[in-house]
């Protein structure tokens, strides 16, 4: 697999997970004084999930194994889904 193809695979994952991370962090910053400690904890956990997704997404572009990194793409989708699940739980708190 060429370097260009690896980065073409990685860019959508990086952009999507970065957007989730940035909007979650912005929401935390704007609403910090308005919400409870449980909401703070869940929001910080969401940031952790999306930061892990960003890291794995970037690693897709730098993987030199020559294979399609299916497990890394699946891990990014899993961490984004986990972050969304935490957002759903946070909305109920």
PDB file of N, CA and C in Angstrom:
ATOM      1  N   UNK A   1       0.850  -1.168   0.000  1.00  0.00           N
ATOM      2  CA  UNK A   1       0.000   0.000   0.000  1.00  0.00           C
ATOM      3  C   UNK A   1       0.899   1.235   0.000  1.00  0.00           C
ATOM      4  N   UNK A   2       0.585   2.168  -0.871  1.00  0.00           N
ATOM      5  CA  UNK A   2       1.417   3.363  -0.988  1.00  0.00           C
ATOM      6  C   UNK A   2       1.133   4.354   0.144  1.00  0.00           C
ATOM      7  N   UNK A   3       2.070   5.262   0.324  1.00  0.00           N
ATOM      8  CA  UNK A   3       1.937   6.277   1.368  1.00  0.00           C
ATOM      9  C   UNK A   3       0.737   7.170   1.097  1.00  0.00           C
ATOM     10  N   UNK A   4       0.540   7.536  -0.157  1.00  0.00           N
ATOM     11  CA  UNK A   4      -0.584   8.394  -0.519  1.00  0.00           C
ATOM     12  C   UNK A   4      -1.919   7.716  -0.188  1.00  0.00           C
ATOM     13  N   UNK A   5      -2.038   6.442  -0.474  1.00  0.00           N
ATOM     14  CA  UNK A   5      -3.272   5.725  -0.187  1.00  0.00           C
ATOM     15  C   UNK A   5      -3.515   5.615   1.314  1.00  0.00           C
ATOM     16  N   UNK A   6      -2.450   5.391   2.094  1.00  0.00           N
ATOM     17  CA  UNK A   6      -2.598   5.330   3.546  1.00  0.00           C
ATOM     18  C   UNK A   6      -3.115   6.655   4.095  1.00  0.00           C
ATOM     19  N   UNK A   7      -2.562   7.765   3.609  1.00  0.00           N
ATOM     20  CA  UNK A   7      -3.017   9.059   4.093  1.00  0.00           C
ATOM     21  C   UNK A   7      -4.412   9.409   3.572  1.00  0.00           C
ATOM     22  N   UNK A   8      -4.756   8.933   2.390  1.00  0.00           N
ATOM     23  CA  UNK A   8      -6.113   9.146   1.888  1.00  0.00           C
ATOM     24  C   UNK A   8      -7.123   8.367   2.729  1.00  0.00           C
ATOM     25  N   UNK A   9      -6.731   7.219   3.243  1.00  0.00           N
ATOM     26  CA  UNK A   9      -7.590   6.473   4.162  1.00  0.00           C
ATOM     27  C   UNK A   9      -7.689   7.166   5.519  1.00  0.00           C
ATOM     28  N   UNK A  10      -6.596   7.744   5.969  1.00  0.00           N
ATOM     29  CA  UNK A  10      -6.540   8.308   7.321  1.00  0.00           C
ATOM     30  C   UNK A  10      -7.229   9.663   7.442  1.00  0.00           C
ATOM     31  N   UNK A  11      -7.225  10.471   6.403  1.00  0.00           N
ATOM     32  CA  UNK A  11      -7.734  11.840   6.497  1.00  0.00           C
ATOM     33  C   UNK A  11      -9.190  11.915   6.954  1.00  0.00           C
ATOM     34  N   UNK A  12     -10.129  11.135   6.409  1.00  0.00           N
ATOM     35  CA  UNK A  12     -11.508  11.244   6.915  1.00  0.00           C
ATOM     36  C   UNK A  12     -11.639  10.872   8.389  1.00  0.00           C
ATOM     37  N   UNK A  13     -10.893   9.873   8.819  1.00  0.00           N
ATOM     38  CA  UNK A  13     -10.933   9.478  10.231  1.00  0.00           C
ATOM     39  C   UNK A  13     -10.351  10.568  11.118  1.00  0.00           C
ATOM     40  N   UNK A  14      -9.249  11.171  10.685  1.00  0.00           N
ATOM     41  CA  UNK A  14      -8.618  12.235  11.471  1.00  0.00           C
ATOM     42  C   UNK A  14      -9.548  13.438  11.562  1.00  0.00           C
ATOM     43  N   UNK A  15     -10.124  13.837  10.442  1.00  0.00           N
ATOM     44  CA  UNK A  15     -10.996  15.015  10.431  1.00  0.00           C
ATOM     45  C   UNK A  15     -12.224  14.786  11.299  1.00  0.00           C
ATOM     46  N   UNK A  16     -12.868  13.643  11.155  1.00  0.00           N
ATOM     47  CA  UNK A  16     -14.081  13.368  11.921  1.00  0.00           C
ATOM     48  C   UNK A  16     -13.804  13.309  13.420  1.00  0.00           C
ATOM     49  N   UNK A  17     -12.766  12.586  13.806  1.00  0.00           N
ATOM     50  CA  UNK A  17     -12.467  12.478  15.236  1.00  0.00           C
ATOM     51  C   UNK A  17     -11.956  13.802  15.807  1.00  0.00           C
ATOM     52  N   UNK A  18     -11.228  14.587  15.024  1.00  0.00           N
ATOM     53  CA  UNK A  18     -10.790  15.904  15.482  1.00  0.00           C
ATOM     54  C   UNK A  18     -11.972  16.850  15.673  1.00  0.00           C
ATOM     55  N   UNK A  19     -12.938  16.785  14.764  1.00  0.00           N
ATOM     56  CA  UNK A  19     -14.124  17.626  14.924  1.00  0.00           C
ATOM     57  C   UNK A  19     -14.875  17.276  16.196  1.00  0.00           C
ATOM     58  N   UNK A  20     -15.061  15.980  16.454  1.00  0.00           N
ATOM     59  CA  UNK A  20     -15.722  15.571  17.683  1.00  0.00           C
ATOM     60  C   UNK A  20     -14.940  16.038  18.905  1.00  0.00           C
ATOM     61  N   UNK A  21     -13.635  15.899  18.863  1.00  0.00           N
ATOM     62  CA  UNK A  21     -12.802  16.315  19.991  1.00  0.00           C
ATOM     63  C   UNK A  21     -12.882  17.821  20.209  1.00  0.00           C
ATOM     64  N   UNK A  22     -12.763  18.592  19.143  1.00  0.00           N
ATOM     65  CA  UNK A  22     -12.779  20.042  19.275  1.00  0.00           C
ATOM     66  C   UNK A  22     -14.126  20.556  19.768  1.00  0.00           C
ATOM     67  N   UNK A  23     -15.229  20.016  19.235  1.00  0.00           N
ATOM     68  CA  UNK A  23     -16.541  20.486  19.669  1.00  0.00           C
ATOM     69  C   UNK A  23     -16.852  20.048  21.097  1.00  0.00           C
ATOM     70  N   UNK A  24     -16.377  18.881  21.498  1.00  0.00           N
ATOM     71  CA  UNK A  24     -16.569  18.460  22.886  1.00  0.00           C
ATOM     72  C   UNK A  24     -15.775  19.353  23.826  1.00  0.00           C
ATOM     73  N   UNK A  25     -14.526  19.632  23.472  1.00  0.00           N
ATOM     74  CA  UNK A  25     -13.700  20.505  24.315  1.00  0.00           C
ATOM     75  C   UNK A  25     -14.272  21.919  24.363  1.00  0.00           C
ATOM     76  N   UNK A  26     -14.781  22.414  23.256  1.00  0.00           N
ATOM     77  CA  UNK A  26     -15.389  23.739  23.239  1.00  0.00           C
ATOM     78  C   UNK A  26     -16.641  23.768  24.113  1.00  0.00           C
ATOM     79  N   UNK A  27     -17.440  22.727  24.052  1.00  0.00           N
ATOM     80  CA  UNK A  27     -18.626  22.646  24.898  1.00  0.00           C
ATOM     81  C   UNK A  27     -18.281  22.591  26.369  1.00  0.00           C
ATOM     82  N   UNK A  28     -17.226  21.868  26.706  1.00  0.00           N
ATOM     83  CA  UNK A  28     -16.776  21.829  28.105  1.00  0.00           C
ATOM     84  C   UNK A  28     -16.356  23.220  28.552  1.00  0.00           C
ATOM     85  N   UNK A  29     -15.581  23.884  27.729  1.00  0.00           N
ATOM     86  CA  UNK A  29     -15.063  25.197  28.089  1.00  0.00           C
ATOM     87  C   UNK A  29     -16.193  26.219  28.242  1.00  0.00           C
ATOM     88  N   UNK A  30     -17.177  26.190  27.338  1.00  0.00           N
ATOM     89  CA  UNK A  30     -18.258  27.168  27.393  1.00  0.00           C
ATOM     90  C   UNK A  30     -19.234  26.914  28.538  1.00  0.00           C
ATOM     91  N   UNK A  31     -19.462  25.660  28.902  1.00  0.00           N
ATOM     92  CA  UNK A  31     -20.488  25.320  29.882  1.00  0.00           C
ATOM     93  C   UNK A  31     -19.933  24.821  31.209  1.00  0.00           C
ATOM     94  N   UNK A  32     -18.666  25.051  31.486  1.00  0.00           N
ATOM     95  CA  UNK A  32     -18.052  24.472  32.676  1.00  0.00           C
ATOM     96  C   UNK A  32     -18.754  24.912  33.956  1.00  0.00           C
ATOM     97  N   UNK A  33     -19.112  26.149  34.044  1.00  0.00           N
ATOM     98  CA  UNK A  33     -19.710  26.667  35.278  1.00  0.00           C
ATOM     99  C   UNK A  33     -21.214  26.388  35.366  1.00  0.00           C
ATOM    100  N   UNK A  34     -21.823  25.861  34.314  1.00  0.00           N
ATOM    101  CA  UNK A  34     -23.272  25.654  34.286  1.00  0.00           C
ATOM    102  C   UNK A  34     -23.708  24.237  34.625  1.00  0.00           C
ATOM    103  N   UNK A  35     -22.782  23.289  34.607  1.00  0.00           N
ATOM    104  CA  UNK A  35     -23.177  21.889  34.740  1.00  0.00           C
ATOM    105  C   UNK A  35     -22.564  21.255  35.988  1.00  0.00           C
ATOM    106  N   UNK A  36     -23.006  20.033  36.285  1.00  0.00           N
ATOM    107  CA  UNK A  36     -22.602  19.332  37.503  1.00  0.00           C
ATOM    108  C   UNK A  36     -21.240  18.645  37.341  1.00  0.00           C
ATOM    109  N   UNK A  37     -20.756  18.123  38.446  1.00  0.00           N
ATOM    110  CA  UNK A  37     -19.478  17.405  38.436  1.00  0.00           C
ATOM    111  C   UNK A  37     -19.584  16.111  37.637  1.00  0.00           C
ATOM    112  N   UNK A  38     -20.740  15.453  37.674  1.00  0.00           N
ATOM    113  CA  UNK A  38     -20.929  14.238  36.877  1.00  0.00           C
ATOM    114  C   UNK A  38     -20.844  14.551  35.384  1.00  0.00           C
ATOM    115  N   UNK A  39     -21.419  15.676  34.997  1.00  0.00           N
ATOM    116  CA  UNK A  39     -21.342  16.098  33.606  1.00  0.00           C
ATOM    117  C   UNK A  39     -19.908  16.427  33.220  1.00  0.00           C
ATOM    118  N   UNK A  40     -19.147  17.038  34.113  1.00  0.00           N
ATOM    119  CA  UNK A  40     -17.734  17.334  33.840  1.00  0.00           C
ATOM    120  C   UNK A  40     -16.956  16.039  33.606  1.00  0.00           C
ATOM    121  N   UNK A  41     -17.201  15.066  34.471  1.00  0.00           N
ATOM    122  CA  UNK A  41     -16.478  13.799  34.364  1.00  0.00           C
ATOM    123  C   UNK A  41     -16.799  13.094  33.057  1.00  0.00           C
ATOM    124  N   UNK A  42     -18.070  13.040  32.704  1.00  0.00           N
ATOM    125  CA  UNK A  42     -18.459  12.391  31.458  1.00  0.00           C
ATOM    126  C   UNK A  42     -17.918  13.146  30.242  1.00  0.00           C
ATOM    127  N   UNK A  43     -17.904  14.453  30.302  1.00  0.00           N
ATOM    128  CA  UNK A  43     -17.373  15.248  29.195  1.00  0.00           C
ATOM    129  C   UNK A  43     -15.872  15.033  29.021  1.00  0.00           C
ATOM    130  N   UNK A  44     -15.152  14.969  30.128  1.00  0.00           N
ATOM    131  CA  UNK A  44     -13.717  14.705  30.042  1.00  0.00           C
ATOM    132  C   UNK A  44     -13.442  13.298  29.525  1.00  0.00           C
ATOM    133  N   UNK A  45     -14.295  12.338  29.898  1.00  0.00           N
ATOM    134  CA  UNK A  45     -14.160  10.981  29.373  1.00  0.00           C
ATOM    135  C   UNK A  45     -14.430  10.957  27.871  1.00  0.00           C
ATOM    136  N   UNK A  46     -15.398  11.758  27.412  1.00  0.00           N
ATOM    137  CA  UNK A  46     -15.645  11.869  25.971  1.00  0.00           C
ATOM    138  C   UNK A  46     -14.418  12.427  25.258  1.00  0.00           C
ATOM    139  N   UNK A  47     -13.802  13.447  25.846  1.00  0.00           N
ATOM    140  CA  UNK A  47     -12.585  14.010  25.242  1.00  0.00           C
ATOM    141  C   UNK A  47     -11.487  12.956  25.148  1.00  0.00           C
ATOM    142  N   UNK A  48     -11.369  12.136  26.177  1.00  0.00           N
ATOM    143  CA  UNK A  48     -10.378  11.062  26.151  1.00  0.00           C
ATOM    144  C   UNK A  48     -10.670  10.083  25.021  1.00  0.00           C
ATOM    145  N   UNK A  49     -11.935   9.689  24.850  1.00  0.00           N
ATOM    146  CA  UNK A  49     -12.314   8.760  23.778  1.00  0.00           C
ATOM    147  C   UNK A  49     -11.966   9.343  22.407  1.00  0.00           C
ATOM    148  N   UNK A  50     -12.308  10.614  22.201  1.00  0.00           N
ATOM    149  CA  UNK A  50     -12.049  11.233  20.905  1.00  0.00           C
ATOM    150  C   UNK A  50     -10.555  11.494  20.689  1.00  0.00           C
ATOM    151  N   UNK A  51      -9.807  11.761  21.748  1.00  0.00           N
ATOM    152  CA  UNK A  51      -8.355  11.939  21.613  1.00  0.00           C
ATOM    153  C   UNK A  51      -7.688  10.620  21.231  1.00  0.00           C
ATOM    154  N   UNK A  52      -8.151   9.526  21.810  1.00  0.00           N
ATOM    155  CA  UNK A  52      -7.629   8.214  21.424  1.00  0.00           C
ATOM    156  C   UNK A  52      -7.953   7.932  19.957  1.00  0.00           C
ATOM    157  N   UNK A  53      -9.165   8.296  19.535  1.00  0.00           N
ATOM    158  CA  UNK A  53      -9.556   8.104  18.133  1.00  0.00           C
ATOM    159  C   UNK A  53      -8.673   8.923  17.196  1.00  0.00           C
ATOM    160  N   UNK A  54      -8.329  10.143  17.605  1.00  0.00           N
ATOM    161  CA  UNK A  54      -7.433  10.971  16.782  1.00  0.00           C
ATOM    162  C   UNK A  54      -6.065  10.303  16.667  1.00  0.00           C
ATOM    163  N   UNK A  55      -5.545   9.815  17.780  1.00  0.00           N
ATOM    164  CA  UNK A  55      -4.234   9.162  17.760  1.00  0.00           C
ATOM    165  C   UNK A  55      -4.205   7.928  16.873  1.00  0.00           C
ATOM    166  N   UNK A  56      -5.231   7.115  16.968  1.00  0.00           N
ATOM    167  CA  UNK A  56      -5.282   5.918  16.122  1.00  0.00           C
ATOM    168  C   UNK A  56      -5.469   6.313  14.664  1.00  0.00           C
ATOM    169  N   UNK A  57      -6.249   7.369  14.417  1.00  0.00           N
ATOM    170  CA  UNK A  57      -6.454   7.834  13.039  1.00  0.00           C
ATOM    171  C   UNK A  57      -5.149   8.297  12.406  1.00  0.00           C
ATOM    172  N   UNK A  58      -4.370   9.025  13.167  1.00  0.00           N
ATOM    173  CA  UNK A  58      -3.073   9.488  12.656  1.00  0.00           C
ATOM    174  C   UNK A  58      -2.153   8.297  12.408  1.00  0.00           C
ATOM    175  N   UNK A  59      -2.238   7.285  13.264  1.00  0.00           N
ATOM    176  CA  UNK A  59      -1.368   6.120  13.077  1.00  0.00           C
ATOM    177  C   UNK A  59      -1.714   5.332  11.813  1.00  0.00           C
ATOM    178  N   UNK A  60      -2.930   5.481  11.309  1.00  0.00           N
ATOM    179  CA  UNK A  60      -3.287   4.821  10.046  1.00  0.00           C
ATOM    180  C   UNK A  60      -2.395   5.351   8.922  1.00  0.00           C
ATOM    181  N   UNK A  61      -2.171   6.650   8.905  1.00  0.00           N
ATOM    182  CA  UNK A  61      -1.351   7.242   7.852  1.00  0.00           C
ATOM    183  C   UNK A  61       0.113   6.871   7.938  1.00  0.00           C
ATOM    184  N   UNK A  62       0.593   6.568   9.125  1.00  0.00           N
ATOM    185  CA  UNK A  62       2.012   6.272   9.307  1.00  0.00           C
ATOM    186  C   UNK A  62       2.317   4.783   9.406  1.00  0.00           C
ATOM    187  N   UNK A  63       1.323   3.946   9.203  1.00  0.00           N
ATOM    188  CA  UNK A  63       1.515   2.495   9.244  1.00  0.00           C
ATOM    189  C   UNK A  63       2.249   2.056   7.983  1.00  0.00           C
ATOM    190  N   UNK A  64       3.363   1.384   8.130  1.00  0.00           N
ATOM    191  CA  UNK A  64       4.161   0.963   6.972  1.00  0.00           C
ATOM    192  C   UNK A  64       4.116  -0.546   6.748  1.00  0.00           C
ATOM    193  N   UNK A  65       3.100  -1.205   7.258  1.00  0.00           N
ATOM    194  CA  UNK A  65       3.062  -2.659   7.143  1.00  0.00           C
ATOM    195  C   UNK A  65       2.729  -3.132   5.735  1.00  0.00           C
ATOM    196  N   UNK A  66       2.129  -2.277   4.911  1.00  0.00           N
ATOM    197  CA  UNK A  66       1.789  -2.673   3.558  1.00  0.00           C
ATOM    198  C   UNK A  66       0.387  -3.251   3.434  1.00  0.00           C
ATOM    199  N   UNK A  67      -0.274  -3.454   4.570  1.00  0.00           N
ATOM    200  CA  UNK A  67      -1.641  -3.981   4.549  1.00  0.00           C
ATOM    201  C   UNK A  67      -2.617  -2.850   4.847  1.00  0.00           C
ATOM    202  N   UNK A  68      -3.878  -3.088   4.516  1.00  0.00           N
ATOM    203  CA  UNK A  68      -4.917  -2.126   4.884  1.00  0.00           C
ATOM    204  C   UNK A  68      -5.147  -2.263   6.389  1.00  0.00           C
ATOM    205  N   UNK A  69      -5.056  -1.174   7.138  1.00  0.00           N
ATOM    206  CA  UNK A  69      -5.167  -1.251   8.604  1.00  0.00           C
ATOM    207  C   UNK A  69      -6.622  -1.348   9.073  1.00  0.00           C
ATOM    208  N   UNK A  70      -7.255  -2.479   8.787  1.00  0.00           N
ATOM    209  CA  UNK A  70      -8.668  -2.655   9.120  1.00  0.00           C
ATOM    210  C   UNK A  70      -8.925  -2.550  10.613  1.00  0.00           C
ATOM    211  N   UNK A  71      -8.049  -3.139  11.430  1.00  0.00           N
ATOM    212  CA  UNK A  71      -8.301  -3.111  12.875  1.00  0.00           C
ATOM    213  C   UNK A  71      -8.182  -1.698  13.426  1.00  0.00           C
ATOM    214  N   UNK A  72      -7.312  -0.890  12.841  1.00  0.00           N
ATOM    215  CA  UNK A  72      -7.201   0.498  13.307  1.00  0.00           C
ATOM    216  C   UNK A  72      -8.418   1.313  12.889  1.00  0.00           C
ATOM    217  N   UNK A  73      -8.898   1.093  11.678  1.00  0.00           N
ATOM    218  CA  UNK A  73     -10.106   1.792  11.247  1.00  0.00           C
ATOM    219  C   UNK A  73     -11.294   1.367  12.106  1.00  0.00           C
ATOM    220  N   UNK A  74     -11.372   0.094  12.426  1.00  0.00           N
ATOM    221  CA  UNK A  74     -12.430  -0.389  13.306  1.00  0.00           C
ATOM    222  C   UNK A  74     -12.315   0.182  14.707  1.00  0.00           C
ATOM    223  N   UNK A  75     -11.087   0.340  15.187  1.00  0.00           N
ATOM    224  CA  UNK A  75     -10.878   0.913  16.519  1.00  0.00           C
ATOM    225  C   UNK A  75     -11.308   2.375  16.559  1.00  0.00           C
ATOM    226  N   UNK A  76     -11.050   3.121  15.494  1.00  0.00           N
ATOM    227  CA  UNK A  76     -11.479   4.517  15.440  1.00  0.00           C
ATOM    228  C   UNK A  76     -13.004   4.599  15.483  1.00  0.00           C
ATOM    229  N   UNK A  77     -13.657   3.764  14.684  1.00  0.00           N
ATOM    230  CA  UNK A  77     -15.123   3.742  14.682  1.00  0.00           C
ATOM    231  C   UNK A  77     -15.644   3.343  16.058  1.00  0.00           C
ATOM    232  N   UNK A  78     -14.996   2.381  16.696  1.00  0.00           N
ATOM    233  CA  UNK A  78     -15.412   1.947  18.026  1.00  0.00           C
ATOM    234  C   UNK A  78     -15.273   3.070  19.056  1.00  0.00           C
ATOM    235  N   UNK A  79     -14.154   3.783  19.051  1.00  0.00           N
ATOM    236  CA  UNK A  79     -13.958   4.863  20.012  1.00  0.00           C
ATOM    237  C   UNK A  79     -14.909   6.031  19.758  1.00  0.00           C
ATOM    238  N   UNK A  80     -15.211   6.310  18.498  1.00  0.00           N
ATOM    239  CA  UNK A  80     -16.196   7.356  18.203  1.00  0.00           C
ATOM    240  C   UNK A  80     -17.574   6.912  18.689  1.00  0.00           C
ATOM    241  N   UNK A  81     -17.921   5.646  18.471  1.00  0.00           N
ATOM    242  CA  UNK A  81     -19.211   5.133  18.949  1.00  0.00           C
ATOM    243  C   UNK A  81     -19.271   5.153  20.476  1.00  0.00           C
ATOM    244  N   UNK A  82     -18.177   4.805  21.146  1.00  0.00           N
ATOM    245  CA  UNK A  82     -18.139   4.878  22.609  1.00  0.00           C
ATOM    246  C   UNK A  82     -18.303   6.315  23.095  1.00  0.00           C
ATOM    247  N   UNK A  83     -17.657   7.242  22.415  1.00  0.00           N
ATOM    248  CA  UNK A  83     -17.815   8.656  22.772  1.00  0.00           C
ATOM    249  C   UNK A  83     -19.247   9.131  22.586  1.00  0.00           C
ATOM    250  N   UNK A  84     -19.885   8.669  21.519  1.00  0.00           N
ATOM    251  CA  UNK A  84     -21.292   9.015  21.300  1.00  0.00           C
ATOM    252  C   UNK A  84     -22.182   8.397  22.379  1.00  0.00           C
ATOM    253  N   UNK A  85     -21.849   7.190  22.795  1.00  0.00           N
ATOM    254  CA  UNK A  85     -22.604   6.553  23.872  1.00  0.00           C
ATOM    255  C   UNK A  85     -22.472   7.319  25.172  1.00  0.00           C
ATOM    256  N   UNK A  86     -21.271   7.804  25.451  1.00  0.00           N
ATOM    257  CA  UNK A  86     -21.064   8.609  26.650  1.00  0.00           C
ATOM    258  C   UNK A  86     -21.845   9.920  26.533  1.00  0.00           C
ATOM    259  N   UNK A  87     -21.912  10.494  25.333  1.00  0.00           N
ATOM    260  CA  UNK A  87     -22.691  11.714  25.136  1.00  0.00           C
ATOM    261  C   UNK A  87     -24.170  11.451  25.393  1.00  0.00           C
ATOM    262  N   UNK A  88     -24.648  10.298  24.992  1.00  0.00           N
ATOM    263  CA  UNK A  88     -26.038   9.938  25.231  1.00  0.00           C
ATOM    264  C   UNK A  88     -26.306   9.809  26.733  1.00  0.00           C
ATOM    265  N   UNK A  89     -25.391   9.147  27.437  1.00  0.00           N
ATOM    266  CA  UNK A  89     -25.536   9.021  28.883  1.00  0.00           C
ATOM    267  C   UNK A  89     -25.440  10.385  29.550  1.00  0.00           C
ATOM    268  N   UNK A  90     -24.531  11.223  29.092  1.00  0.00           N
ATOM    269  CA  UNK A  90     -24.368  12.566  29.658  1.00  0.00           C
ATOM    270  C   UNK A  90     -25.639  13.390  29.483  1.00  0.00           C
ATOM    271  N   UNK A  91     -26.339  13.187  28.375  1.00  0.00           N
ATOM    272  CA  UNK A  91     -27.586  13.907  28.147  1.00  0.00           C
ATOM    273  C   UNK A  91     -28.685  13.496  29.119  1.00  0.00           C
ATOM    274  N   UNK A  92     -28.591  12.311  29.676  1.00  0.00           N
ATOM    275  CA  UNK A  92     -29.590  11.832  30.627  1.00  0.00           C
ATOM    276  C   UNK A  92     -29.274  12.272  32.047  1.00  0.00           C
ATOM    277  N   UNK A  93     -28.031  12.714  32.300  1.00  0.00           N
ATOM    278  CA  UNK A  93     -27.638  13.105  33.669  1.00  0.00           C
ATOM    279  C   UNK A  93     -28.130  14.496  33.961  1.00  0.00           C
TER     280      UNK A  93
END
